[in-house]
């Protein structure tokens, strides 16, 4: 039987959601103020719980993850083993092989994971190598108002960047192959994560627009192509423009037309890192974040931020917005710490309802779309005078890698809402230390059945906790399971994982994390070669 607190949470949340939604699902959801929602028209916070719970958290008896807010369903439990299964379901890890050129790669390996709060999850991630250049790309994409825009950006943005970096000769080969209907040069090699999916039915449409882009690059007659900063800047903005134009153009296929509308009217922030030798570029639009873990020569660790969050707490962003709009809008452009009172990030892909004129929005939506079935958000802010208010233009940071730069962390704001930069570096460093301690040195100790049994008994004696093998999993575990003192609280962790799907988003966000480890020896060798 549920405890009174559990029952109160479930019934209060269910009744509040039903009242606010009026019987149908709204595009924006009820969220607590701790969970800085991407877009909202209202906030509902269980104040009794909030006042008694540190860090916006709460205490619940152990229960299993389920989909109903009915009291009778809220009684099952997750064992510690099941908690680990939930946390590790989205894990992936890859060791980066050295290129054919024989030059050691500056990236050693990466580890990634994702934990959903929304159903379906609205975050996306991507890792790919550029086959016609030497770059590796890592991306985290945080969707809002649905997953459609984040899905599209995660599939398409890397291609725009890769094409931007191609030489004139390579682009000519690509165009020649298309004209003669021959196989095209491969552009990317994807390193897949669990749950990755591709909208195969609309790939041809996307390729057509990518081709128009490289044809325009050919017209520039640049022998060596764009530099990395230019490539990232143009790719972000060009893809966002294509997303907007695709739904304005007539499309005969109903599935493609509906999907294009969902992509354009939902949104996604993006953080993309491009690594080529010792050259690290990070492009960010929104409130995902990238940081470097640095170990100084004296052995001390520090954090080097590579991005700035584009939100209302960023004074530079506020100044930019005010410069781009009339002085009469200074008090309305950001309200309640949201752009026009609606959106937390000030930069994002999609979200055409904050970019298009009211007339254009009406003309597109009046083409016979079933906007309710497609869950299309149509709310127009009260003070919507001089669009666009939102941009996908990224801020780009360049950093030349040094041997002391040990790892890069990219993550959606679900992580940064609850862990600060220094905490993240500390947890990854602790993970590296634990990995070293738990790995037996078989060169000094005989590898036999007696040793293995001894190690298993030692692990059992330490309790049911088994160290995570993936740093991203460790970060997610601590993000949702740490108490106000930064210590792991198993009860809190279980409670956060067993919230019903219609409540989980009120207390935590989707979390996506990728940790990239650098090869210090390779970076040192790059430096010595000049």
Protein backbone atom coordinates (compact mmCIF):
# COMPACT_ATOMS: atom_id res chain seq x y z
CA UNK A 1 0.00 0.00 0.00
CA UNK A 2 1.28 3.50 -0.78
CA UNK A 3 2.36 5.83 2.00
CA UNK A 4 0.24 8.98 2.62
CA UNK A 5 2.99 11.14 1.10
CA UNK A 6 3.15 9.00 -2.05
CA UNK A 7 -0.62 9.02 -2.35
CA UNK A 8 -0.74 12.80 -1.87
CA UNK A 9 1.86 13.38 -4.57
CA UNK A 10 0.10 11.17 -7.07
CA UNK A 11 -3.40 12.52 -6.51
CA UNK A 12 -2.37 16.17 -6.31
CA UNK A 13 -0.31 15.94 -9.48
CA UNK A 14 -2.99 13.98 -11.33
CA UNK A 15 -5.75 16.41 -10.36
CA UNK A 16 -3.66 19.47 -11.17
CA UNK A 17 -2.65 18.15 -14.56
CA UNK A 18 -6.24 17.16 -15.40
CA UNK A 19 -7.53 20.60 -14.39
CA UNK A 20 -4.92 22.51 -16.36
CA UNK A 21 -5.08 20.34 -19.43
CA UNK A 22 -8.86 20.28 -19.64
CA UNK A 23 -8.90 16.69 -20.81
CA UNK A 24 -6.29 16.91 -23.56
CA UNK A 25 -2.54 16.91 -23.57
CA UNK A 26 -0.98 20.34 -23.75
CA UNK A 27 2.20 21.05 -25.63
CA UNK A 28 3.76 22.51 -22.50
CA UNK A 29 3.72 20.48 -19.31
CA UNK A 30 3.43 21.22 -15.62
CA UNK A 31 6.89 21.46 -14.12
CA UNK A 32 8.48 22.41 -10.86
CA UNK A 33 10.53 25.60 -10.74
CA UNK A 34 13.60 23.51 -9.98
CA UNK A 35 13.28 21.84 -13.37
CA UNK A 36 13.90 24.83 -15.63
CA UNK A 37 11.48 23.75 -18.33
CA UNK A 38 12.18 24.65 -21.92
CA UNK A 39 8.73 26.05 -22.49
CA UNK A 40 5.78 26.53 -20.17
CA UNK A 41 2.64 28.56 -19.75
CA UNK A 42 2.28 27.83 -16.06
CA UNK A 43 4.05 26.21 -13.13
CA UNK A 44 2.65 23.85 -10.54
CA UNK A 45 4.85 23.08 -7.54
CA UNK A 46 3.85 20.90 -4.59
CA UNK A 47 4.87 23.59 -2.06
CA UNK A 48 4.60 21.36 0.98
CA UNK A 49 7.13 18.95 -0.46
CA UNK A 50 9.34 21.67 -1.86
CA UNK A 51 9.73 23.42 1.48
CA UNK A 52 10.79 20.19 3.20
CA UNK A 53 13.04 18.79 0.49
CA UNK A 54 16.64 19.88 -0.19
CA UNK A 55 17.71 20.59 -3.75
CA UNK A 56 14.11 20.45 -4.94
CA UNK A 57 13.95 16.77 -4.05
CA UNK A 58 11.57 14.71 -1.92
CA UNK A 59 11.35 11.42 -0.08
CA UNK A 60 9.29 8.50 -1.36
CA UNK A 61 9.10 4.83 -0.45
CA UNK A 62 10.72 2.48 -2.90
CA UNK A 63 8.57 1.79 -5.95
CA UNK A 64 8.87 0.67 -9.54
CA UNK A 65 8.73 2.83 -12.66
CA UNK A 66 5.25 2.69 -14.16
CA UNK A 67 2.90 4.72 -16.30
CA UNK A 68 -0.17 5.27 -14.14
CA UNK A 69 -0.95 7.73 -11.37
CA UNK A 70 -3.51 5.41 -9.80
CA UNK A 71 -2.87 4.70 -6.13
CA UNK A 72 -3.27 0.94 -6.54
CA UNK A 73 -0.43 0.81 -9.07
CA UNK A 74 2.10 2.58 -6.85
CA UNK A 75 3.32 -0.32 -4.74
CA UNK A 76 6.04 -2.25 -6.55
CA UNK A 77 9.74 -1.87 -5.87
CA UNK A 78 12.99 -1.77 -7.80
CA UNK A 79 15.84 -3.80 -6.37
CA UNK A 80 19.36 -2.33 -6.46
CA UNK A 81 20.10 -4.61 -9.41
CA UNK A 82 17.05 -3.28 -11.26
CA UNK A 83 18.09 0.29 -10.49
CA UNK A 84 21.40 -0.44 -12.18
CA UNK A 85 19.62 -2.00 -15.16
CA UNK A 86 17.52 1.16 -15.63
CA UNK A 87 20.53 3.45 -15.28
CA UNK A 88 22.70 1.44 -17.66
CA UNK A 89 20.15 0.69 -20.37
CA UNK A 90 21.33 3.59 -22.55
CA UNK A 91 25.07 3.10 -22.09
CA UNK A 92 27.51 3.05 -24.98
CA UNK A 93 31.30 3.13 -25.15
CA UNK A 94 33.71 3.13 -28.08
CA UNK A 95 37.46 3.08 -28.42
CA UNK A 96 38.57 5.37 -31.25
CA UNK A 97 40.86 3.62 -33.72
CA UNK A 98 43.81 5.43 -35.23
CA UNK A 99 43.22 6.69 -38.79
CA UNK A 100 44.69 4.95 -41.84
CA UNK A 101 47.36 7.67 -42.01
CA UNK A 102 49.00 6.06 -38.98
CA UNK A 103 48.96 9.30 -36.96
CA UNK A 104 47.64 8.48 -33.45
CA UNK A 105 44.21 9.96 -32.76
CA UNK A 106 43.96 12.66 -30.12
CA UNK A 107 40.70 11.05 -28.93
CA UNK A 108 41.26 7.82 -27.03
CA UNK A 109 37.66 6.73 -26.37
CA UNK A 110 34.27 8.01 -25.32
CA UNK A 111 31.49 6.89 -23.00
CA UNK A 112 27.86 7.99 -23.22
CA UNK A 113 24.49 7.43 -21.59
CA UNK A 114 20.97 8.80 -21.56
CA UNK A 115 18.11 8.65 -19.04
CA UNK A 116 14.60 9.67 -20.02
CA UNK A 117 12.15 11.74 -18.02
CA UNK A 118 9.83 12.52 -20.92
CA UNK A 119 8.05 9.72 -22.75
CA UNK A 120 9.34 9.46 -25.38
CA UNK A 121 12.72 10.94 -24.49
CA UNK A 122 13.30 14.33 -26.14
CA UNK A 123 17.12 14.38 -25.96
CA UNK A 124 19.31 13.02 -28.73
CA UNK A 125 23.07 12.41 -29.10
CA UNK A 126 25.42 11.70 -31.96
CA UNK A 127 29.02 10.71 -32.67
CA UNK A 128 30.50 10.47 -36.16
CA UNK A 129 33.77 10.76 -38.02
CA UNK A 130 34.07 12.82 -41.21
CA UNK A 131 35.30 10.41 -43.88
CA UNK A 132 36.49 13.11 -46.29
CA UNK A 133 38.28 15.14 -43.59
CA UNK A 134 40.03 14.20 -40.34
CA UNK A 135 37.42 15.42 -37.90
CA UNK A 136 35.47 13.64 -35.17
CA UNK A 137 32.15 15.15 -34.10
CA UNK A 138 30.26 14.71 -30.83
CA UNK A 139 26.83 16.23 -30.31
CA UNK A 140 24.14 16.55 -27.64
CA UNK A 141 20.70 17.79 -28.66
CA UNK A 142 18.03 18.77 -26.14
CA UNK A 143 14.52 18.81 -27.57
CA UNK A 144 11.46 20.59 -26.24
CA UNK A 145 7.82 20.39 -27.27
CA UNK A 146 8.43 16.88 -28.51
CA UNK A 147 11.38 14.96 -29.91
CA UNK A 148 10.92 15.70 -33.63
CA UNK A 149 13.29 18.67 -33.94
CA UNK A 150 16.03 17.09 -31.81
CA UNK A 151 15.76 13.92 -33.91
CA UNK A 152 16.07 15.85 -37.18
CA UNK A 153 18.98 17.99 -36.00
CA UNK A 154 20.86 14.97 -34.62
CA UNK A 155 20.53 13.23 -37.99
CA UNK A 156 21.27 16.17 -40.27
CA UNK A 157 23.61 18.71 -38.64
CA UNK A 158 26.75 16.57 -38.89
CA UNK A 159 26.23 16.23 -42.65
CA UNK A 160 26.06 20.00 -43.08
CA UNK A 161 29.28 20.42 -41.10
CA UNK A 162 31.08 17.65 -43.02
CA UNK A 163 30.05 19.10 -46.39
CA UNK A 164 31.12 22.58 -45.29
CA UNK A 165 34.63 21.30 -44.60
CA UNK A 166 35.07 19.55 -47.95
CA UNK A 167 37.45 20.86 -50.57
CA UNK A 168 36.24 22.16 -53.92
CA UNK A 169 37.50 18.97 -55.58
CA UNK A 170 35.57 16.69 -53.21
CA UNK A 171 32.38 18.69 -53.64
CA UNK A 172 32.76 18.45 -57.42
CA UNK A 173 33.08 14.66 -57.11
CA UNK A 174 29.92 14.59 -54.99
CA UNK A 175 27.98 16.66 -57.49
CA UNK A 176 29.28 14.64 -60.43
CA UNK A 177 28.13 11.41 -58.81
CA UNK A 178 24.66 12.84 -58.23
CA UNK A 179 24.38 14.11 -61.81
CA UNK A 180 25.42 10.77 -63.30
CA UNK A 181 23.37 8.80 -60.73
CA UNK A 182 26.46 6.97 -59.51
CA UNK A 183 27.29 6.06 -55.90
CA UNK A 184 28.23 9.13 -53.90
CA UNK A 185 31.33 9.43 -51.75
CA UNK A 186 30.59 8.41 -48.14
CA UNK A 187 30.35 11.46 -45.89
CA UNK A 188 30.11 10.17 -42.31
CA UNK A 189 30.80 7.05 -40.31
CA UNK A 190 28.28 6.97 -37.47
CA UNK A 191 29.08 5.43 -34.10
CA UNK A 192 25.64 4.36 -32.95
CA UNK A 193 24.10 4.49 -29.48
CA UNK A 194 21.33 2.31 -28.07
CA UNK A 195 17.94 3.43 -29.35
CA UNK A 196 19.28 5.46 -32.29
CA UNK A 197 16.76 5.70 -35.10
CA UNK A 198 16.60 7.22 -38.57
CA UNK A 199 13.60 8.56 -40.46
CA UNK A 200 14.44 6.63 -43.62
CA UNK A 201 11.28 7.74 -45.41
CA UNK A 202 12.37 11.37 -45.60
CA UNK A 203 16.08 10.88 -46.18
CA UNK A 204 15.74 11.74 -49.88
CA UNK A 205 14.13 15.09 -49.06
CA UNK A 206 16.94 15.95 -46.68
CA UNK A 207 19.56 14.91 -49.24
CA UNK A 208 18.00 17.22 -51.81
CA UNK A 209 18.43 20.20 -49.50
CA UNK A 210 21.93 19.15 -48.50
CA UNK A 211 22.79 19.02 -52.19
CA UNK A 212 21.50 22.57 -52.72
CA UNK A 213 23.80 23.64 -49.89
CA UNK A 214 26.91 22.05 -51.39
CA UNK A 215 26.03 23.51 -54.79
CA UNK A 216 26.07 26.95 -53.19
CA UNK A 217 29.45 26.13 -51.63
CA UNK A 218 30.72 25.15 -55.09
CA UNK A 219 29.64 28.53 -56.41
CA UNK A 220 31.98 30.18 -53.87
CA UNK A 221 34.99 28.57 -55.64
CA UNK A 222 36.96 28.00 -52.41
CA UNK A 223 39.67 25.47 -53.12
CA UNK A 224 40.15 24.37 -49.50
CA UNK A 225 36.57 24.79 -48.26
CA UNK A 226 35.46 26.68 -45.16
CA UNK A 227 37.50 26.73 -42.00
CA UNK A 228 36.02 24.91 -39.00
CA UNK A 229 34.59 28.01 -37.33
CA UNK A 230 32.88 29.11 -40.53
CA UNK A 231 31.64 25.58 -41.19
CA UNK A 232 30.01 25.33 -37.77
CA UNK A 233 28.48 28.80 -37.96
CA UNK A 234 27.00 28.34 -41.43
CA UNK A 235 25.86 24.75 -40.79
CA UNK A 236 23.79 25.61 -37.73
CA UNK A 237 22.07 28.51 -39.42
CA UNK A 238 21.61 26.80 -42.78
CA UNK A 239 20.01 23.70 -41.26
CA UNK A 240 17.66 25.87 -39.20
CA UNK A 241 16.74 27.80 -42.34
CA UNK A 242 16.07 24.56 -44.23
CA UNK A 243 13.86 23.29 -41.39
CA UNK A 244 11.82 26.48 -41.71
CA UNK A 245 11.63 26.45 -45.51
CA UNK A 246 10.75 22.76 -45.82
CA UNK A 247 7.32 23.20 -44.26
CA UNK A 248 6.63 26.37 -46.24
CA UNK A 249 7.19 24.53 -49.54
CA UNK A 250 4.36 22.31 -50.86
CA UNK A 251 4.94 18.65 -50.00
CA UNK A 252 2.73 15.98 -51.52
CA UNK A 253 3.56 13.13 -49.17
CA UNK A 254 1.39 13.41 -46.04
CA UNK A 255 3.86 11.71 -43.70
CA UNK A 256 6.71 13.96 -44.81
CA UNK A 257 4.48 17.03 -44.52
CA UNK A 258 3.33 16.15 -41.00
CA UNK A 259 6.82 15.33 -39.83
CA UNK A 260 8.22 18.57 -41.27
CA UNK A 261 5.55 20.50 -39.36
CA UNK A 262 6.40 18.73 -36.11
CA UNK A 263 10.11 19.43 -36.61
CA UNK A 264 9.53 23.12 -37.32
CA UNK A 265 7.08 23.71 -34.46
CA UNK A 266 9.04 21.81 -31.83
CA UNK A 267 12.57 22.90 -30.93
CA UNK A 268 16.04 21.74 -29.94
CA UNK A 269 19.17 23.22 -28.45
CA UNK A 270 22.50 21.82 -29.61
CA UNK A 271 26.11 21.53 -28.49
CA UNK A 272 28.57 20.09 -31.01
CA UNK A 273 32.29 19.45 -30.55
CA UNK A 274 34.63 18.96 -33.52
CA UNK A 275 38.05 17.44 -32.78
CA UNK A 276 40.81 17.35 -35.38
CA UNK A 277 44.23 16.59 -33.94
CA UNK A 278 44.89 19.20 -31.26
CA UNK A 279 42.17 21.50 -32.60
CA UNK A 280 38.95 21.48 -30.58
CA UNK A 281 36.01 23.62 -31.68
CA UNK A 282 32.72 23.69 -29.75
CA UNK A 283 29.57 25.23 -31.20
CA UNK A 284 26.67 25.84 -28.83
CA UNK A 285 23.15 27.16 -29.33
CA UNK A 286 21.03 26.98 -26.19
CA UNK A 287 21.66 25.57 -22.72
CA UNK A 288 23.50 22.32 -23.32
CA UNK A 289 27.05 22.66 -22.07
CA UNK A 290 30.63 21.49 -22.68
CA UNK A 291 33.51 21.54 -20.19
CA UNK A 292 37.08 20.27 -20.09
CA UNK A 293 38.61 18.32 -17.22
CA UNK A 294 42.20 19.54 -16.82
CA UNK A 295 44.96 18.02 -14.70
CA UNK A 296 47.70 20.52 -14.00
CA UNK A 297 51.37 19.61 -13.76
CA UNK A 298 51.11 19.60 -9.95
CA UNK A 299 48.40 16.92 -10.16
CA UNK A 300 45.48 19.18 -9.20
CA UNK A 301 42.31 19.05 -11.29
CA UNK A 302 40.34 22.01 -12.60
CA UNK A 303 37.42 22.73 -14.91
CA UNK A 304 37.62 24.78 -18.11
CA UNK A 305 34.15 25.80 -19.38
CA UNK A 306 33.88 25.86 -23.18
CA UNK A 307 30.32 27.18 -23.52
CA UNK A 308 27.99 29.74 -21.99
CA UNK A 309 24.32 28.93 -21.42
CA UNK A 310 22.04 31.01 -23.63
CA UNK A 311 19.28 31.87 -21.18
CA UNK A 312 17.94 34.71 -19.07
CA UNK A 313 20.78 34.44 -16.55
CA UNK A 314 23.32 35.26 -19.28
CA UNK A 315 23.63 39.04 -19.29
CA UNK A 316 25.33 39.03 -22.68
CA UNK A 317 22.30 37.22 -24.13
CA UNK A 318 19.91 39.74 -22.58
CA UNK A 319 21.93 42.59 -24.07
CA UNK A 320 21.91 40.92 -27.48
CA UNK A 321 18.15 40.46 -27.43
CA UNK A 322 17.57 44.06 -26.44
CA UNK A 323 19.86 45.31 -29.20
CA UNK A 324 17.90 43.32 -31.78
CA UNK A 325 14.48 44.67 -30.78
CA UNK A 326 12.95 48.09 -30.10
CA UNK A 327 13.54 49.71 -26.74
CA UNK A 328 9.78 49.55 -26.12
CA UNK A 329 10.12 45.77 -25.73
CA UNK A 330 12.86 45.84 -23.09
CA UNK A 331 10.43 44.78 -20.35
CA UNK A 332 8.58 42.14 -22.32
CA UNK A 333 11.30 40.36 -24.28
CA UNK A 334 12.20 38.31 -21.18
CA UNK A 335 9.54 37.66 -18.53
CA UNK A 336 9.66 35.16 -15.69
CA UNK A 337 13.21 34.30 -16.81
CA UNK A 338 11.88 33.06 -20.17
CA UNK A 339 12.02 34.43 -23.67
CA UNK A 340 8.63 36.17 -24.10
CA UNK A 341 7.57 34.35 -20.94
CA UNK A 342 7.63 30.98 -22.74
CA UNK A 343 11.06 29.57 -23.62
CA UNK A 344 14.04 29.07 -21.32
CA UNK A 345 16.84 28.94 -23.93
CA UNK A 346 17.39 32.06 -26.04
CA UNK A 347 18.86 30.10 -28.98
CA UNK A 348 17.42 26.96 -30.57
CA UNK A 349 16.62 25.15 -33.79
CA UNK A 350 13.00 25.04 -34.90
CA UNK A 351 10.46 26.88 -32.72
CA UNK A 352 9.17 28.76 -35.76
CA UNK A 353 6.33 30.16 -33.64
CA UNK A 354 9.01 32.45 -32.15
CA UNK A 355 10.62 33.20 -35.54
CA UNK A 356 7.82 33.55 -38.11
CA UNK A 357 5.34 36.37 -38.43
CA UNK A 358 1.81 35.67 -37.20
CA UNK A 359 0.61 35.80 -40.81
CA UNK A 360 3.07 33.15 -41.99
CA UNK A 361 2.16 30.86 -39.10
CA UNK A 362 -1.55 31.12 -39.95
CA UNK A 363 -0.98 30.52 -43.65
CA UNK A 364 1.01 27.33 -42.99
CA UNK A 365 -1.29 25.93 -40.31
CA UNK A 366 -4.40 26.55 -42.41
CA UNK A 367 -3.33 23.97 -45.01
CA UNK A 368 -5.42 21.26 -43.41
CA UNK A 369 -3.07 19.98 -40.71
CA UNK A 370 -4.58 18.16 -37.75
CA UNK A 371 -2.60 20.24 -35.28
CA UNK A 372 -4.20 18.60 -32.23
CA UNK A 373 -3.30 15.09 -33.37
CA UNK A 374 0.21 16.27 -34.25
CA UNK A 375 0.53 18.04 -30.86
CA UNK A 376 1.46 21.35 -32.52
CA UNK A 377 1.96 24.25 -30.15
CA UNK A 378 0.03 27.31 -31.37
CA UNK A 379 0.15 29.73 -28.45
CA UNK A 380 1.20 33.23 -29.52
CA UNK A 381 2.78 35.36 -26.78
CA UNK A 382 0.97 38.53 -25.78
CA UNK A 383 3.92 40.77 -26.67
CA UNK A 384 4.81 39.27 -30.05
CA UNK A 385 5.69 42.36 -32.10
CA UNK A 386 9.01 42.08 -33.97
CA UNK A 387 9.95 38.48 -34.79
CA UNK A 388 12.25 36.67 -35.00
CA UNK A 389 13.00 36.49 -31.28
CA UNK A 390 14.96 33.25 -31.47
CA UNK A 391 18.07 32.25 -33.40
CA UNK A 392 20.05 29.08 -34.03
CA UNK A 393 23.29 31.02 -34.50
CA UNK A 394 25.88 29.24 -32.34
CA UNK A 395 28.59 30.63 -30.13
CA UNK A 396 31.87 28.98 -31.11
CA UNK A 397 34.86 28.36 -28.88
CA UNK A 398 38.28 27.24 -30.09
CA UNK A 399 40.73 25.47 -27.78
CA UNK A 400 44.10 23.99 -28.68
CA UNK A 401 44.39 20.74 -26.80
CA UNK A 402 47.30 20.26 -24.38
CA UNK A 403 48.56 17.08 -22.68
CA UNK A 404 46.92 18.24 -19.44
CA UNK A 405 43.46 18.31 -21.09
CA UNK A 406 42.22 14.87 -20.06
CA UNK A 407 38.52 14.72 -20.93
CA UNK A 408 35.58 16.62 -22.41
CA UNK A 409 32.03 16.40 -21.04
CA UNK A 410 29.04 17.36 -23.20
CA UNK A 411 25.59 17.13 -21.62
CA UNK A 412 22.05 18.41 -21.85
CA UNK A 413 20.79 20.80 -19.21
CA UNK A 414 19.17 17.94 -17.29
CA UNK A 415 22.65 17.31 -15.87
CA UNK A 416 23.71 20.91 -15.34
CA UNK A 417 20.47 21.78 -13.52
CA UNK A 418 21.59 19.61 -10.61
CA UNK A 419 25.39 19.35 -10.87
CA UNK A 420 27.79 22.23 -11.32
CA UNK A 421 30.90 22.10 -13.50
CA UNK A 422 33.28 21.31 -10.65
CA UNK A 423 31.07 18.48 -9.38
CA UNK A 424 31.07 16.91 -12.84
CA UNK A 425 34.86 17.04 -13.12
CA UNK A 426 35.24 15.62 -9.62
CA UNK A 427 32.90 12.71 -10.36
CA UNK A 428 34.67 11.81 -13.60
CA UNK A 429 38.06 11.96 -11.85
CA UNK A 430 36.70 9.74 -9.06
CA UNK A 431 35.39 7.36 -11.72
CA UNK A 432 38.83 7.15 -13.33
CA UNK A 433 40.37 6.46 -9.93
CA UNK A 434 37.84 3.75 -9.11
CA UNK A 435 38.29 2.12 -12.50
CA UNK A 436 42.00 1.88 -11.81
CA UNK A 437 41.50 0.42 -8.33
CA UNK A 438 38.90 -2.15 -9.35
CA UNK A 439 40.96 -3.49 -12.23
CA UNK A 440 43.17 -6.31 -10.90
CA UNK A 441 46.83 -6.15 -11.88
CA UNK A 442 47.14 -9.60 -13.42
CA UNK A 443 50.80 -9.05 -14.20
CA UNK A 444 51.57 -9.20 -10.48
CA UNK A 445 48.82 -11.57 -9.30
CA UNK A 446 48.03 -15.01 -10.76
CA UNK A 447 44.85 -15.06 -12.83
CA UNK A 448 43.20 -18.24 -11.57
CA UNK A 449 39.80 -19.33 -10.32
CA UNK A 450 40.84 -18.81 -6.70
CA UNK A 451 41.68 -15.17 -7.38
CA UNK A 452 38.42 -14.57 -9.25
CA UNK A 453 36.39 -16.11 -6.41
CA UNK A 454 38.25 -13.94 -3.91
CA UNK A 455 37.48 -10.82 -5.93
CA UNK A 456 33.79 -11.75 -6.14
CA UNK A 457 33.62 -12.31 -2.39
CA UNK A 458 35.26 -8.93 -1.79
CA UNK A 459 32.72 -7.26 -4.06
CA UNK A 460 29.84 -9.02 -2.30
CA UNK A 461 31.22 -7.93 1.08
CA UNK A 462 31.12 -4.32 -0.11
CA UNK A 463 27.35 -4.61 -0.58
CA UNK A 464 25.26 -4.57 -3.70
CA UNK A 465 26.92 -1.43 -5.09
CA UNK A 466 29.10 -2.19 -8.07
CA UNK A 467 31.13 0.66 -9.52
CA UNK A 468 29.82 1.96 -12.82
CA UNK A 469 32.03 1.11 -15.75
CA UNK A 470 30.75 4.16 -17.67
CA UNK A 471 31.50 7.70 -16.47
CA UNK A 472 28.30 9.05 -18.04
CA UNK A 473 26.28 6.58 -15.96
CA UNK A 474 28.05 7.70 -12.82
CA UNK A 475 27.18 11.32 -13.57
CA UNK A 476 23.51 10.49 -14.17
CA UNK A 477 23.38 8.38 -10.99
CA UNK A 478 24.67 11.28 -8.89
CA UNK A 479 22.55 13.86 -10.71
CA UNK A 480 19.31 12.21 -9.63
CA UNK A 481 20.42 10.34 -6.52
CA UNK A 482 22.61 12.71 -4.50
CA UNK A 483 21.33 14.36 -1.34
CA UNK A 484 21.95 17.94 -0.18
CA UNK A 485 25.44 16.97 1.00
CA UNK A 486 26.47 15.56 -2.38
CA UNK A 487 26.31 11.99 -1.05
CA UNK A 488 24.59 9.15 -2.87
CA UNK A 489 21.19 8.43 -1.30
CA UNK A 490 19.87 5.02 -2.47
CA UNK A 491 16.32 5.84 -1.31
CA UNK A 492 16.25 9.05 -3.30
CA UNK A 493 17.77 7.36 -6.36
CA UNK A 494 15.14 4.62 -6.30
CA UNK A 495 12.35 7.14 -5.78
CA UNK A 496 13.46 9.25 -8.74
CA UNK A 497 13.61 6.19 -10.99
CA UNK A 498 10.23 4.83 -9.89
CA UNK A 499 8.19 7.97 -10.49
CA UNK A 500 5.37 7.34 -12.95
CA UNK A 501 6.04 8.66 -16.42
CA UNK A 502 3.38 11.36 -16.04
CA UNK A 503 5.14 12.66 -12.91
CA UNK A 504 8.82 12.14 -13.67
CA UNK A 505 9.12 15.30 -15.78
CA UNK A 506 7.93 17.38 -12.84
CA UNK A 507 11.01 16.48 -10.82
CA UNK A 508 13.78 15.83 -13.32
CA UNK A 509 14.62 16.36 -16.97
CA UNK A 510 15.91 14.07 -19.71
CA UNK A 511 19.66 13.69 -19.14
CA UNK A 512 22.16 12.96 -21.91
CA UNK A 513 25.90 12.80 -21.25
CA UNK A 514 28.95 12.07 -23.39
CA UNK A 515 32.46 11.92 -21.89
CA UNK A 516 35.35 12.08 -24.38
CA UNK A 517 38.80 11.00 -23.18
CA UNK A 518 41.89 12.46 -24.83
CA UNK A 519 45.16 10.69 -25.60
CA UNK A 520 47.78 12.82 -23.86
CA UNK A 521 50.65 11.05 -25.60
CA UNK A 522 49.17 11.73 -29.03
CA UNK A 523 48.55 15.38 -28.17
CA UNK A 524 52.12 15.70 -26.95
CA UNK A 525 53.34 14.13 -30.20
CA UNK A 526 51.27 16.63 -32.22
CA UNK A 527 52.93 19.47 -30.30
CA UNK A 528 56.42 18.11 -30.92
CA UNK A 529 55.72 17.85 -34.64
CA UNK A 530 54.64 21.49 -34.58
